[in-house]
Amino acid sequence: ITKMKDVDLLILAIGTNDLQFKYDLTIHQFENGLEKLIVIAKNKV
């Protein structure tokens, strides 16, 4: 996202594969990780 220029709209559709049982993520971990992506995206788009 840092390399891309002039993005007017980001469609962020991510998280399904994090549901795989091998990752064993808690809902809290899910929220924290998603929030990190959002903060990064908000600075660019």
PDB file of all heavy atoms in Angstrom:
ATOM      1  N   ILE A   1       0.829  -1.206   0.000  1.00  0.00           N
ATOM      2  CA  ILE A   1       0.000   0.000   0.000  1.00  0.00           C
ATOM      3  C   ILE A   1       0.868   1.263   0.000  1.00  0.00           C
ATOM      4  O   ILE A   1       0.472   2.307  -0.524  1.00  0.00           O
ATOM      5  CB  ILE A   1      -0.987   0.008   1.207  1.00  0.00           C
ATOM      6  CG1 ILE A   1      -2.123   1.022   0.979  1.00  0.00           C
ATOM      7  CG2 ILE A   1      -0.263   0.270   2.506  1.00  0.00           C
ATOM      8  CD1 ILE A   1      -3.064   0.650  -0.133  1.00  0.00           C
ATOM      9  N   THR A   2       2.073   1.171   0.550  1.00  0.00           N
ATOM     10  CA  THR A   2       2.990   2.307   0.546  1.00  0.00           C
ATOM     11  C   THR A   2       3.463   2.622  -0.874  1.00  0.00           C
ATOM     12  O   THR A   2       3.645   3.785  -1.242  1.00  0.00           O
ATOM     13  CB  THR A   2       4.213   2.018   1.451  1.00  0.00           C
ATOM     14  OG1 THR A   2       3.764   1.823   2.792  1.00  0.00           O
ATOM     15  CG2 THR A   2       5.199   3.176   1.423  1.00  0.00           C
ATOM     16  N   LYS A   3       3.646   1.585  -1.683  1.00  0.00           N
ATOM     17  CA  LYS A   3       4.134   1.766  -3.045  1.00  0.00           C
ATOM     18  C   LYS A   3       3.044   2.255  -3.998  1.00  0.00           C
ATOM     19  O   LYS A   3       3.335   2.888  -5.012  1.00  0.00           O
ATOM     20  CB  LYS A   3       4.706   0.454  -3.577  1.00  0.00           C
ATOM     21  CG  LYS A   3       5.988   0.025  -2.883  1.00  0.00           C
ATOM     22  CD  LYS A   3       6.475  -1.311  -3.423  1.00  0.00           C
ATOM     23  CE  LYS A   3       7.751  -1.749  -2.724  1.00  0.00           C
ATOM     24  NZ  LYS A   3       8.203  -3.090  -3.209  1.00  0.00           N
ATOM     25  N   MET A   4       1.790   1.958  -3.681  1.00  0.00           N
ATOM     26  CA  MET A   4       0.699   2.342  -4.564  1.00  0.00           C
ATOM     27  C   MET A   4       0.365   3.821  -4.419  1.00  0.00           C
ATOM     28  O   MET A   4       0.440   4.382  -3.328  1.00  0.00           O
ATOM     29  CB  MET A   4      -0.544   1.494  -4.290  1.00  0.00           C
ATOM     30  CG  MET A   4      -0.349   0.024  -4.624  1.00  0.00           C
ATOM     31  SD  MET A   4      -1.914  -0.859  -4.749  1.00  0.00           S
ATOM     32  CE  MET A   4      -2.609  -0.185  -6.247  1.00  0.00           C
ATOM     33  N   LYS A   5       0.011   4.452  -5.524  1.00  0.00           N
ATOM     34  CA  LYS A   5      -0.275   5.878  -5.518  1.00  0.00           C
ATOM     35  C   LYS A   5      -1.739   6.144  -5.880  1.00  0.00           C
ATOM     36  O   LYS A   5      -2.313   5.478  -6.731  1.00  0.00           O
ATOM     37  CB  LYS A   5       0.639   6.604  -6.512  1.00  0.00           C
ATOM     38  CG  LYS A   5       2.113   6.550  -6.146  1.00  0.00           C
ATOM     39  CD  LYS A   5       2.947   7.304  -7.168  1.00  0.00           C
ATOM     40  CE  LYS A   5       4.425   7.266  -6.806  1.00  0.00           C
ATOM     41  NZ  LYS A   5       5.265   7.988  -7.818  1.00  0.00           N
ATOM     42  N   ASP A   6      -2.289   7.131  -5.200  1.00  0.00           N
ATOM     43  CA  ASP A   6      -3.608   7.661  -5.558  1.00  0.00           C
ATOM     44  C   ASP A   6      -4.720   6.619  -5.547  1.00  0.00           C
ATOM     45  O   ASP A   6      -5.560   6.566  -6.445  1.00  0.00           O
ATOM     46  CB  ASP A   6      -3.555   8.320  -6.939  1.00  0.00           C
ATOM     47  CG  ASP A   6      -2.505   9.411  -7.024  1.00  0.00           C
ATOM     48  OD1 ASP A   6      -2.342  10.142  -6.030  1.00  0.00           O
ATOM     49  OD2 ASP A   6      -1.848   9.525  -8.068  1.00  0.00           O
ATOM     50  N   VAL A   7      -4.746   5.760  -4.520  1.00  0.00           N
ATOM     51  CA  VAL A   7      -5.853   4.821  -4.361  1.00  0.00           C
ATOM     52  C   VAL A   7      -7.028   5.572  -3.750  1.00  0.00           C
ATOM     53  O   VAL A   7      -6.920   6.150  -2.665  1.00  0.00           O
ATOM     54  CB  VAL A   7      -5.455   3.622  -3.466  1.00  0.00           C
ATOM     55  CG1 VAL A   7      -6.661   2.719  -3.215  1.00  0.00           C
ATOM     56  CG2 VAL A   7      -4.318   2.834  -4.094  1.00  0.00           C
ATOM     57  N   ASP A   8      -8.142   5.585  -4.467  1.00  0.00           N
ATOM     58  CA  ASP A   8      -9.324   6.322  -3.998  1.00  0.00           C
ATOM     59  C   ASP A   8     -10.214   5.486  -3.088  1.00  0.00           C
ATOM     60  O   ASP A   8     -10.958   6.025  -2.267  1.00  0.00           O
ATOM     61  CB  ASP A   8     -10.142   6.801  -5.200  1.00  0.00           C
ATOM     62  CG  ASP A   8      -9.363   7.782  -6.064  1.00  0.00           C
ATOM     63  OD1 ASP A   8      -9.106   8.901  -5.598  1.00  0.00           O
ATOM     64  OD2 ASP A   8      -8.989   7.413  -7.198  1.00  0.00           O
ATOM     65  N   LEU A   9     -10.148   4.165  -3.260  1.00  0.00           N
ATOM     66  CA  LEU A   9     -10.978   3.268  -2.447  1.00  0.00           C
ATOM     67  C   LEU A   9     -10.260   1.942  -2.274  1.00  0.00           C
ATOM     68  O   LEU A   9      -9.794   1.338  -3.251  1.00  0.00           O
ATOM     69  CB  LEU A   9     -12.331   3.030  -3.118  1.00  0.00           C
ATOM     70  CG  LEU A   9     -13.224   1.946  -2.497  1.00  0.00           C
ATOM     71  CD1 LEU A   9     -13.683   2.341  -1.095  1.00  0.00           C
ATOM     72  CD2 LEU A   9     -14.445   1.667  -3.386  1.00  0.00           C
ATOM     73  N   LEU A  10     -10.161   1.505  -1.043  1.00  0.00           N
ATOM     74  CA  LEU A  10      -9.631   0.179  -0.721  1.00  0.00           C
ATOM     75  C   LEU A  10     -10.786  -0.727  -0.311  1.00  0.00           C
ATOM     76  O   LEU A  10     -11.572  -0.371   0.569  1.00  0.00           O
ATOM     77  CB  LEU A  10      -8.625   0.267   0.432  1.00  0.00           C
ATOM     78  CG  LEU A  10      -8.223  -1.062   1.088  1.00  0.00           C
ATOM     79  CD1 LEU A  10      -7.431  -1.941   0.114  1.00  0.00           C
ATOM     80  CD2 LEU A  10      -7.434  -0.813   2.373  1.00  0.00           C
ATOM     81  N   ILE A  11     -10.894  -1.874  -0.968  1.00  0.00           N
ATOM     82  CA  ILE A  11     -11.830  -2.913  -0.542  1.00  0.00           C
ATOM     83  C   ILE A  11     -10.998  -3.984   0.142  1.00  0.00           C
ATOM     84  O   ILE A  11     -10.216  -4.695  -0.501  1.00  0.00           O
ATOM     85  CB  ILE A  11     -12.612  -3.503  -1.731  1.00  0.00           C
ATOM     86  CG1 ILE A  11     -13.419  -2.401  -2.438  1.00  0.00           C
ATOM     87  CG2 ILE A  11     -13.546  -4.620  -1.255  1.00  0.00           C
ATOM     88  CD1 ILE A  11     -14.117  -2.879  -3.702  1.00  0.00           C
ATOM     89  N   LEU A  12     -11.120  -4.074   1.452  1.00  0.00           N
ATOM     90  CA  LEU A  12     -10.314  -4.993   2.254  1.00  0.00           C
ATOM     91  C   LEU A  12     -11.171  -6.180   2.679  1.00  0.00           C
ATOM     92  O   LEU A  12     -12.059  -6.049   3.522  1.00  0.00           O
ATOM     93  CB  LEU A  12      -9.758  -4.257   3.477  1.00  0.00           C
ATOM     94  CG  LEU A  12      -8.772  -5.013   4.367  1.00  0.00           C
ATOM     95  CD1 LEU A  12      -7.541  -5.450   3.589  1.00  0.00           C
ATOM     96  CD2 LEU A  12      -8.368  -4.145   5.558  1.00  0.00           C
ATOM     97  N   ALA A  13     -10.909  -7.325   2.039  1.00  0.00           N
ATOM     98  CA  ALA A  13     -11.704  -8.537   2.298  1.00  0.00           C
ATOM     99  C   ALA A  13     -10.756  -9.642   2.746  1.00  0.00           C
ATOM    100  O   ALA A  13     -10.330 -10.485   1.957  1.00  0.00           O
ATOM    101  CB  ALA A  13     -12.463  -8.946   1.036  1.00  0.00           C
ATOM    102  N   ILE A  14     -10.423  -9.639   4.008  1.00  0.00           N
ATOM    103  CA  ILE A  14      -9.386 -10.531   4.524  1.00  0.00           C
ATOM    104  C   ILE A  14      -9.831 -11.122   5.865  1.00  0.00           C
ATOM    105  O   ILE A  14     -10.652 -10.522   6.567  1.00  0.00           O
ATOM    106  CB  ILE A  14      -8.059  -9.747   4.699  1.00  0.00           C
ATOM    107  CG1 ILE A  14      -6.838 -10.673   4.768  1.00  0.00           C
ATOM    108  CG2 ILE A  14      -8.124  -8.791   5.869  1.00  0.00           C
ATOM    109  CD1 ILE A  14      -6.417 -11.233   3.441  1.00  0.00           C
ATOM    110  N   GLY A  15      -9.301 -12.305   6.193  1.00  0.00           N
ATOM    111  CA  GLY A  15      -9.578 -12.880   7.508  1.00  0.00           C
ATOM    112  C   GLY A  15     -10.091 -14.304   7.505  1.00  0.00           C
ATOM    113  O   GLY A  15     -10.038 -14.989   8.532  1.00  0.00           O
ATOM    114  N   THR A  16     -10.573 -14.781   6.351  1.00  0.00           N
ATOM    115  CA  THR A  16     -11.124 -16.142   6.319  1.00  0.00           C
ATOM    116  C   THR A  16     -10.072 -17.194   6.659  1.00  0.00           C
ATOM    117  O   THR A  16     -10.330 -18.119   7.431  1.00  0.00           O
ATOM    118  CB  THR A  16     -11.753 -16.443   4.943  1.00  0.00           C
ATOM    119  OG1 THR A  16     -12.857 -15.562   4.727  1.00  0.00           O
ATOM    120  CG2 THR A  16     -12.251 -17.880   4.874  1.00  0.00           C
ATOM    121  N   ASN A  17      -8.874 -17.063   6.107  1.00  0.00           N
ATOM    122  CA  ASN A  17      -7.847 -18.078   6.349  1.00  0.00           C
ATOM    123  C   ASN A  17      -7.304 -18.051   7.768  1.00  0.00           C
ATOM    124  O   ASN A  17      -6.708 -19.034   8.229  1.00  0.00           O
ATOM    125  CB  ASN A  17      -6.706 -17.912   5.338  1.00  0.00           C
ATOM    126  CG  ASN A  17      -7.127 -18.337   3.952  1.00  0.00           C
ATOM    127  OD1 ASN A  17      -7.619 -19.438   3.743  1.00  0.00           O
ATOM    128  ND2 ASN A  17      -6.972 -17.445   2.990  1.00  0.00           N
ATOM    129  N   ASP A  18      -7.530 -16.933   8.460  1.00  0.00           N
ATOM    130  CA  ASP A  18      -7.145 -16.870   9.867  1.00  0.00           C
ATOM    131  C   ASP A  18      -8.040 -17.744  10.741  1.00  0.00           C
ATOM    132  O   ASP A  18      -7.735 -17.976  11.904  1.00  0.00           O
ATOM    133  CB  ASP A  18      -7.201 -15.420  10.356  1.00  0.00           C
ATOM    134  CG  ASP A  18      -6.222 -14.538   9.602  1.00  0.00           C
ATOM    135  OD1 ASP A  18      -5.021 -14.587   9.911  1.00  0.00           O
ATOM    136  OD2 ASP A  18      -6.662 -13.828   8.674  1.00  0.00           O
ATOM    137  N   LEU A  19      -9.137 -18.237  10.159  1.00  0.00           N
ATOM    138  CA  LEU A  19     -10.045 -19.133  10.871  1.00  0.00           C
ATOM    139  C   LEU A  19      -9.543 -20.574  10.875  1.00  0.00           C
ATOM    140  O   LEU A  19     -10.125 -21.430  11.552  1.00  0.00           O
ATOM    141  CB  LEU A  19     -11.439 -19.088  10.228  1.00  0.00           C
ATOM    142  CG  LEU A  19     -12.149 -17.724  10.230  1.00  0.00           C
ATOM    143  CD1 LEU A  19     -13.391 -17.781   9.340  1.00  0.00           C
ATOM    144  CD2 LEU A  19     -12.517 -17.293  11.639  1.00  0.00           C
ATOM    145  N   GLN A  20      -8.479 -20.850  10.128  1.00  0.00           N
ATOM    146  CA  GLN A  20      -7.924 -22.210  10.108  1.00  0.00           C
ATOM    147  C   GLN A  20      -7.518 -22.611  11.524  1.00  0.00           C
ATOM    148  O   GLN A  20      -6.932 -21.821  12.266  1.00  0.00           O
ATOM    149  CB  GLN A  20      -6.720 -22.273   9.174  1.00  0.00           C
ATOM    150  CG  GLN A  20      -7.066 -22.058   7.713  1.00  0.00           C
ATOM    151  CD  GLN A  20      -5.842 -22.070   6.822  1.00  0.00           C
ATOM    152  OE1 GLN A  20      -4.852 -22.742   7.120  1.00  0.00           O
ATOM    153  NE2 GLN A  20      -5.904 -21.338   5.716  1.00  0.00           N
ATOM    154  N   PHE A  21      -7.807 -23.871  11.872  1.00  0.00           N
ATOM    155  CA  PHE A  21      -7.601 -24.283  13.261  1.00  0.00           C
ATOM    156  C   PHE A  21      -6.138 -24.279  13.681  1.00  0.00           C
ATOM    157  O   PHE A  21      -5.819 -24.149  14.863  1.00  0.00           O
ATOM    158  CB  PHE A  21      -8.245 -25.653  13.531  1.00  0.00           C
ATOM    159  CG  PHE A  21      -7.758 -26.787  12.677  1.00  0.00           C
ATOM    160  CD1 PHE A  21      -6.552 -27.411  12.913  1.00  0.00           C
ATOM    161  CD2 PHE A  21      -8.539 -27.257  11.615  1.00  0.00           C
ATOM    162  CE1 PHE A  21      -6.112 -28.477  12.135  1.00  0.00           C
ATOM    163  CE2 PHE A  21      -8.123 -28.319  10.822  1.00  0.00           C
ATOM    164  CZ  PHE A  21      -6.899 -28.920  11.083  1.00  0.00           C
ATOM    165  N   LYS A  22      -5.204 -24.360  12.724  1.00  0.00           N
ATOM    166  CA  LYS A  22      -3.787 -24.396  13.102  1.00  0.00           C
ATOM    167  C   LYS A  22      -3.324 -23.075  13.707  1.00  0.00           C
ATOM    168  O   LYS A  22      -2.376 -23.047  14.489  1.00  0.00           O
ATOM    169  CB  LYS A  22      -2.914 -24.753  11.899  1.00  0.00           C
ATOM    170  CG  LYS A  22      -2.767 -23.681  10.844  1.00  0.00           C
ATOM    171  CD  LYS A  22      -1.777 -24.122   9.763  1.00  0.00           C
ATOM    172  CE  LYS A  22      -1.577 -23.054   8.708  1.00  0.00           C
ATOM    173  NZ  LYS A  22      -0.582 -23.477   7.676  1.00  0.00           N
ATOM    174  N   TYR A  23      -3.996 -21.978  13.360  1.00  0.00           N
ATOM    175  CA  TYR A  23      -3.603 -20.676  13.914  1.00  0.00           C
ATOM    176  C   TYR A  23      -4.175 -20.452  15.307  1.00  0.00           C
ATOM    177  O   TYR A  23      -3.592 -19.722  16.108  1.00  0.00           O
ATOM    178  CB  TYR A  23      -4.043 -19.555  12.976  1.00  0.00           C
ATOM    179  CG  TYR A  23      -3.367 -19.596  11.630  1.00  0.00           C
ATOM    180  CD1 TYR A  23      -4.116 -19.710  10.456  1.00  0.00           C
ATOM    181  CD2 TYR A  23      -1.984 -19.551  11.514  1.00  0.00           C
ATOM    182  CE1 TYR A  23      -3.504 -19.751   9.208  1.00  0.00           C
ATOM    183  CE2 TYR A  23      -1.355 -19.592  10.275  1.00  0.00           C
ATOM    184  CZ  TYR A  23      -2.123 -19.700   9.123  1.00  0.00           C
ATOM    185  OH  TYR A  23      -1.515 -19.749   7.897  1.00  0.00           O
ATOM    186  N   ASP A  24      -5.324 -21.042  15.586  1.00  0.00           N
ATOM    187  CA  ASP A  24      -5.930 -21.008  16.919  1.00  0.00           C
ATOM    188  C   ASP A  24      -5.991 -19.579  17.493  1.00  0.00           C
ATOM    189  O   ASP A  24      -5.658 -19.346  18.657  1.00  0.00           O
ATOM    190  CB  ASP A  24      -5.151 -21.922  17.869  1.00  0.00           C
ATOM    191  CG  ASP A  24      -5.914 -22.216  19.156  1.00  0.00           C
ATOM    192  OD1 ASP A  24      -7.163 -22.169  19.122  1.00  0.00           O
ATOM    193  OD2 ASP A  24      -5.262 -22.469  20.194  1.00  0.00           O
ATOM    194  N   LEU A  25      -6.425 -18.640  16.662  1.00  0.00           N
ATOM    195  CA  LEU A  25      -6.484 -17.248  17.093  1.00  0.00           C
ATOM    196  C   LEU A  25      -7.681 -17.007  18.016  1.00  0.00           C
ATOM    197  O   LEU A  25      -8.766 -17.529  17.785  1.00  0.00           O
ATOM    198  CB  LEU A  25      -6.606 -16.321  15.885  1.00  0.00           C
ATOM    199  CG  LEU A  25      -5.422 -16.251  14.923  1.00  0.00           C
ATOM    200  CD1 LEU A  25      -5.736 -15.304  13.786  1.00  0.00           C
ATOM    201  CD2 LEU A  25      -4.150 -15.818  15.640  1.00  0.00           C
ATOM    202  N   THR A  26      -7.464 -16.190  19.013  1.00  0.00           N
ATOM    203  CA  THR A  26      -8.571 -15.771  19.851  1.00  0.00           C
ATOM    204  C   THR A  26      -9.276 -14.594  19.164  1.00  0.00           C
ATOM    205  O   THR A  26      -8.719 -13.949  18.269  1.00  0.00           O
ATOM    206  CB  THR A  26      -8.084 -15.322  21.243  1.00  0.00           C
ATOM    207  OG1 THR A  26      -7.277 -14.146  21.094  1.00  0.00           O
ATOM    208  CG2 THR A  26      -7.265 -16.420  21.908  1.00  0.00           C
ATOM    209  N   ILE A  27     -10.479 -14.292  19.611  1.00  0.00           N
ATOM    210  CA  ILE A  27     -11.207 -13.153  19.070  1.00  0.00           C
ATOM    211  C   ILE A  27     -10.430 -11.867  19.348  1.00  0.00           C
ATOM    212  O   ILE A  27     -10.390 -10.951  18.508  1.00  0.00           O
ATOM    213  CB  ILE A  27     -12.625 -13.068  19.675  1.00  0.00           C
ATOM    214  CG1 ILE A  27     -13.448 -14.313  19.286  1.00  0.00           C
ATOM    215  CG2 ILE A  27     -13.319 -11.798  19.229  1.00  0.00           C
ATOM    216  CD1 ILE A  27     -13.697 -14.461  17.802  1.00  0.00           C
ATOM    217  N   HIS A  28      -9.774 -11.790  20.493  1.00  0.00           N
ATOM    218  CA  HIS A  28      -8.975 -10.613  20.849  1.00  0.00           C
ATOM    219  C   HIS A  28      -7.801 -10.442  19.885  1.00  0.00           C
ATOM    220  O   HIS A  28      -7.512  -9.326  19.430  1.00  0.00           O
ATOM    221  CB  HIS A  28      -8.469 -10.747  22.288  1.00  0.00           C
ATOM    222  CG  HIS A  28      -7.674  -9.574  22.772  1.00  0.00           C
ATOM    223  ND1 HIS A  28      -8.220  -8.324  22.946  1.00  0.00           N
ATOM    224  CD2 HIS A  28      -6.344  -9.456  23.095  1.00  0.00           C
ATOM    225  CE1 HIS A  28      -7.285  -7.485  23.366  1.00  0.00           C
ATOM    226  NE2 HIS A  28      -6.141  -8.146  23.458  1.00  0.00           N
ATOM    227  N   GLN A  29      -7.113 -11.526  19.575  1.00  0.00           N
ATOM    228  CA  GLN A  29      -6.002 -11.465  18.618  1.00  0.00           C
ATOM    229  C   GLN A  29      -6.501 -11.058  17.232  1.00  0.00           C
ATOM    230  O   GLN A  29      -5.838 -10.299  16.517  1.00  0.00           O
ATOM    231  CB  GLN A  29      -5.302 -12.824  18.539  1.00  0.00           C
ATOM    232  CG  GLN A  29      -4.491 -13.180  19.770  1.00  0.00           C
ATOM    233  CD  GLN A  29      -3.980 -14.610  19.729  1.00  0.00           C
ATOM    234  OE1 GLN A  29      -4.695 -15.541  19.333  1.00  0.00           O
ATOM    235  NE2 GLN A  29      -2.730 -14.798  20.132  1.00  0.00           N
ATOM    236  N   PHE A  30      -7.650 -11.579  16.875  1.00  0.00           N
ATOM    237  CA  PHE A  30      -8.260 -11.244  15.591  1.00  0.00           C
ATOM    238  C   PHE A  30      -8.500  -9.735  15.500  1.00  0.00           C
ATOM    239  O   PHE A  30      -8.172  -9.088  14.494  1.00  0.00           O
ATOM    240  CB  PHE A  30      -9.590 -11.992  15.448  1.00  0.00           C
ATOM    241  CG  PHE A  30      -9.878 -12.484  14.067  1.00  0.00           C
ATOM    242  CD1 PHE A  30      -9.752 -13.822  13.750  1.00  0.00           C
ATOM    243  CD2 PHE A  30     -10.285 -11.599  13.082  1.00  0.00           C
ATOM    244  CE1 PHE A  30     -10.023 -14.282  12.467  1.00  0.00           C
ATOM    245  CE2 PHE A  30     -10.559 -12.047  11.787  1.00  0.00           C
ATOM    246  CZ  PHE A  30     -10.429 -13.395  11.481  1.00  0.00           C
ATOM    247  N   GLU A  31      -9.063  -9.178  16.546  1.00  0.00           N
ATOM    248  CA  GLU A  31      -9.383  -7.752  16.559  1.00  0.00           C
ATOM    249  C   GLU A  31      -8.114  -6.900  16.496  1.00  0.00           C
ATOM    250  O   GLU A  31      -8.042  -5.923  15.736  1.00  0.00           O
ATOM    251  CB  GLU A  31     -10.187  -7.400  17.807  1.00  0.00           C
ATOM    252  CG  GLU A  31     -10.582  -5.939  17.874  1.00  0.00           C
ATOM    253  CD  GLU A  31     -11.553  -5.634  19.008  1.00  0.00           C
ATOM    254  OE1 GLU A  31     -12.124  -6.572  19.583  1.00  0.00           O
ATOM    255  OE2 GLU A  31     -11.736  -4.434  19.309  1.00  0.00           O
ATOM    256  N   ASN A  32      -7.105  -7.259  17.280  1.00  0.00           N
ATOM    257  CA  ASN A  32      -5.862  -6.485  17.297  1.00  0.00           C
ATOM    258  C   ASN A  32      -5.167  -6.494  15.940  1.00  0.00           C
ATOM    259  O   ASN A  32      -4.671  -5.470  15.466  1.00  0.00           O
ATOM    260  CB  ASN A  32      -4.914  -7.031  18.367  1.00  0.00           C
ATOM    261  CG  ASN A  32      -5.335  -6.657  19.772  1.00  0.00           C
ATOM    262  OD1 ASN A  32      -6.159  -5.765  19.963  1.00  0.00           O
ATOM    263  ND2 ASN A  32      -4.771  -7.330  20.756  1.00  0.00           N
ATOM    264  N   GLY A  33      -5.130  -7.666  15.305  1.00  0.00           N
ATOM    265  CA  GLY A  33      -4.477  -7.785  14.006  1.00  0.00           C
ATOM    266  C   GLY A  33      -5.200  -7.016  12.925  1.00  0.00           C
ATOM    267  O   GLY A  33      -4.575  -6.349  12.087  1.00  0.00           O
ATOM    268  N   LEU A  34      -6.513  -7.100  12.937  1.00  0.00           N
ATOM    269  CA  LEU A  34      -7.314  -6.376  11.951  1.00  0.00           C
ATOM    270  C   LEU A  34      -7.160  -4.874  12.147  1.00  0.00           C
ATOM    271  O   LEU A  34      -7.051  -4.109  11.168  1.00  0.00           O
ATOM    272  CB  LEU A  34      -8.780  -6.785  12.073  1.00  0.00           C
ATOM    273  CG  LEU A  34      -9.754  -6.124  11.100  1.00  0.00           C
ATOM    274  CD1 LEU A  34      -9.389  -6.438   9.657  1.00  0.00           C
ATOM    275  CD2 LEU A  34     -11.190  -6.581  11.391  1.00  0.00           C
ATOM    276  N   GLU A  35      -7.122  -4.439  13.391  1.00  0.00           N
ATOM    277  CA  GLU A  35      -6.974  -3.011  13.674  1.00  0.00           C
ATOM    278  C   GLU A  35      -5.640  -2.478  13.148  1.00  0.00           C
ATOM    279  O   GLU A  35      -5.564  -1.350  12.644  1.00  0.00           O
ATOM    280  CB  GLU A  35      -7.097  -2.751  15.176  1.00  0.00           C
ATOM    281  CG  GLU A  35      -7.167  -1.277  15.525  1.00  0.00           C
ATOM    282  CD  GLU A  35      -7.574  -1.035  16.984  1.00  0.00           C
ATOM    283  OE1 GLU A  35      -7.438  -1.960  17.809  1.00  0.00           O
ATOM    284  OE2 GLU A  35      -8.040   0.078  17.277  1.00  0.00           O
ATOM    285  N   LYS A  36      -4.594  -3.278  13.224  1.00  0.00           N
ATOM    286  CA  LYS A  36      -3.288  -2.853  12.695  1.00  0.00           C
ATOM    287  C   LYS A  36      -3.371  -2.572  11.199  1.00  0.00           C
ATOM    288  O   LYS A  36      -2.832  -1.578  10.710  1.00  0.00           O
ATOM    289  CB  LYS A  36      -2.243  -3.936  12.960  1.00  0.00           C
ATOM    290  CG  LYS A  36      -1.810  -4.048  14.404  1.00  0.00           C
ATOM    291  CD  LYS A  36      -0.781  -5.167  14.580  1.00  0.00           C
ATOM    292  CE  LYS A  36      -0.378  -5.323  16.035  1.00  0.00           C
ATOM    293  NZ  LYS A  36       0.576  -6.456  16.222  1.00  0.00           N
ATOM    294  N   LEU A  37      -4.048  -3.456  10.460  1.00  0.00           N
ATOM    295  CA  LEU A  37      -4.204  -3.255   9.021  1.00  0.00           C
ATOM    296  C   LEU A  37      -5.013  -1.996   8.731  1.00  0.00           C
ATOM    297  O   LEU A  37      -4.699  -1.236   7.809  1.00  0.00           O
ATOM    298  CB  LEU A  37      -4.891  -4.468   8.387  1.00  0.00           C
ATOM    299  CG  LEU A  37      -4.128  -5.792   8.368  1.00  0.00           C
ATOM    300  CD1 LEU A  37      -4.973  -6.876   7.702  1.00  0.00           C
ATOM    301  CD2 LEU A  37      -2.804  -5.648   7.634  1.00  0.00           C
ATOM    302  N   ILE A  38      -6.047  -1.783   9.515  1.00  0.00           N
ATOM    303  CA  ILE A  38      -6.907  -0.616   9.310  1.00  0.00           C
ATOM    304  C   ILE A  38      -6.137   0.682   9.533  1.00  0.00           C
ATOM    305  O   ILE A  38      -6.247   1.630   8.749  1.00  0.00           O
ATOM    306  CB  ILE A  38      -8.133  -0.685  10.239  1.00  0.00           C
ATOM    307  CG1 ILE A  38      -9.077  -1.801   9.784  1.00  0.00           C
ATOM    308  CG2 ILE A  38      -8.864   0.658  10.283  1.00  0.00           C
ATOM    309  CD1 ILE A  38     -10.210  -2.088  10.751  1.00  0.00           C
ATOM    310  N   VAL A  39      -5.346   0.743  10.578  1.00  0.00           N
ATOM    311  CA  VAL A  39      -4.567   1.946  10.891  1.00  0.00           C
ATOM    312  C   VAL A  39      -3.599   2.256   9.753  1.00  0.00           C
ATOM    313  O   VAL A  39      -3.447   3.414   9.325  1.00  0.00           O
ATOM    314  CB  VAL A  39      -3.815   1.782  12.226  1.00  0.00           C
ATOM    315  CG1 VAL A  39      -2.820   2.908  12.427  1.00  0.00           C
ATOM    316  CG2 VAL A  39      -4.805   1.737  13.383  1.00  0.00           C
ATOM    317  N   ILE A  40      -2.946   1.230   9.232  1.00  0.00           N
ATOM    318  CA  ILE A  40      -2.022   1.408   8.104  1.00  0.00           C
ATOM    319  C   ILE A  40      -2.778   1.912   6.881  1.00  0.00           C
ATOM    320  O   ILE A  40      -2.344   2.847   6.202  1.00  0.00           O
ATOM    321  CB  ILE A  40      -1.310   0.075   7.786  1.00  0.00           C
ATOM    322  CG1 ILE A  40      -0.355  -0.292   8.925  1.00  0.00           C
ATOM    323  CG2 ILE A  40      -0.547   0.165   6.463  1.00  0.00           C
ATOM    324  CD1 ILE A  40       0.131  -1.721   8.878  1.00  0.00           C
ATOM    325  N   ALA A  41      -3.910   1.294   6.612  1.00  0.00           N
ATOM    326  CA  ALA A  41      -4.710   1.673   5.442  1.00  0.00           C
ATOM    327  C   ALA A  41      -5.228   3.095   5.550  1.00  0.00           C
ATOM    328  O   ALA A  41      -5.235   3.846   4.558  1.00  0.00           O
ATOM    329  CB  ALA A  41      -5.867   0.694   5.275  1.00  0.00           C
ATOM    330  N   LYS A  42      -5.660   3.487   6.747  1.00  0.00           N
ATOM    331  CA  LYS A  42      -6.226   4.825   6.949  1.00  0.00           C
ATOM    332  C   LYS A  42      -5.214   5.930   6.660  1.00  0.00           C
ATOM    333  O   LYS A  42      -5.580   7.048   6.307  1.00  0.00           O
ATOM    334  CB  LYS A  42      -6.756   4.974   8.378  1.00  0.00           C
ATOM    335  CG  LYS A  42      -8.068   4.265   8.643  1.00  0.00           C
ATOM    336  CD  LYS A  42      -9.259   5.084   8.165  1.00  0.00           C
ATOM    337  CE  LYS A  42      -9.527   6.266   9.056  1.00  0.00           C
ATOM    338  NZ  LYS A  42     -10.732   7.030   8.633  1.00  0.00           N
ATOM    339  N   ASN A  43      -3.949   5.621   6.824  1.00  0.00           N
ATOM    340  CA  ASN A  43      -2.903   6.607   6.554  1.00  0.00           C
ATOM    341  C   ASN A  43      -2.647   6.797   5.067  1.00  0.00           C
ATOM    342  O   ASN A  43      -1.941   7.734   4.680  1.00  0.00           O
ATOM    343  CB  ASN A  43      -1.598   6.198   7.243  1.00  0.00           C
ATOM    344  CG  ASN A  43      -1.654   6.396   8.747  1.00  0.00           C
ATOM    345  OD1 ASN A  43      -2.327   7.309   9.222  1.00  0.00           O
ATOM    346  ND2 ASN A  43      -0.978   5.542   9.487  1.00  0.00           N
ATOM    347  N   LYS A  44      -3.186   5.906   4.252  1.00  0.00           N
ATOM    348  CA  LYS A  44      -2.927   5.959   2.810  1.00  0.00           C
ATOM    349  C   LYS A  44      -4.174   6.167   1.965  1.00  0.00           C
ATOM    350  O   LYS A  44      -4.101   6.701   0.859  1.00  0.00           O
ATOM    351  CB  LYS A  44      -2.242   4.648   2.358  1.00  0.00           C
ATOM    352  CG  LYS A  44      -0.808   4.507   2.801  1.00  0.00           C
ATOM    353  CD  LYS A  44       0.110   5.485   2.073  1.00  0.00           C
ATOM    354  CE  LYS A  44       0.206   5.164   0.596  1.00  0.00           C
ATOM    355  NZ  LYS A  44       1.117   6.077  -0.127  1.00  0.00           N
ATOM    356  N   VAL A  45      -5.323   5.715   2.470  1.00  0.00           N
ATOM    357  CA  VAL A  45      -6.547   5.710   1.662  1.00  0.00           C
ATOM    358  C   VAL A  45      -7.686   6.357   2.443  1.00  0.00           C
ATOM    359  O   VAL A  45      -7.910   6.034   3.616  1.00  0.00           O
ATOM    360  CB  VAL A  45      -6.947   4.268   1.273  1.00  0.00           C
ATOM    361  CG1 VAL A  45      -8.141   4.282   0.334  1.00  0.00           C
ATOM    362  CG2 VAL A  45      -5.788   3.520   0.642  1.00  0.00           C
TER     363      VAL A  45
END
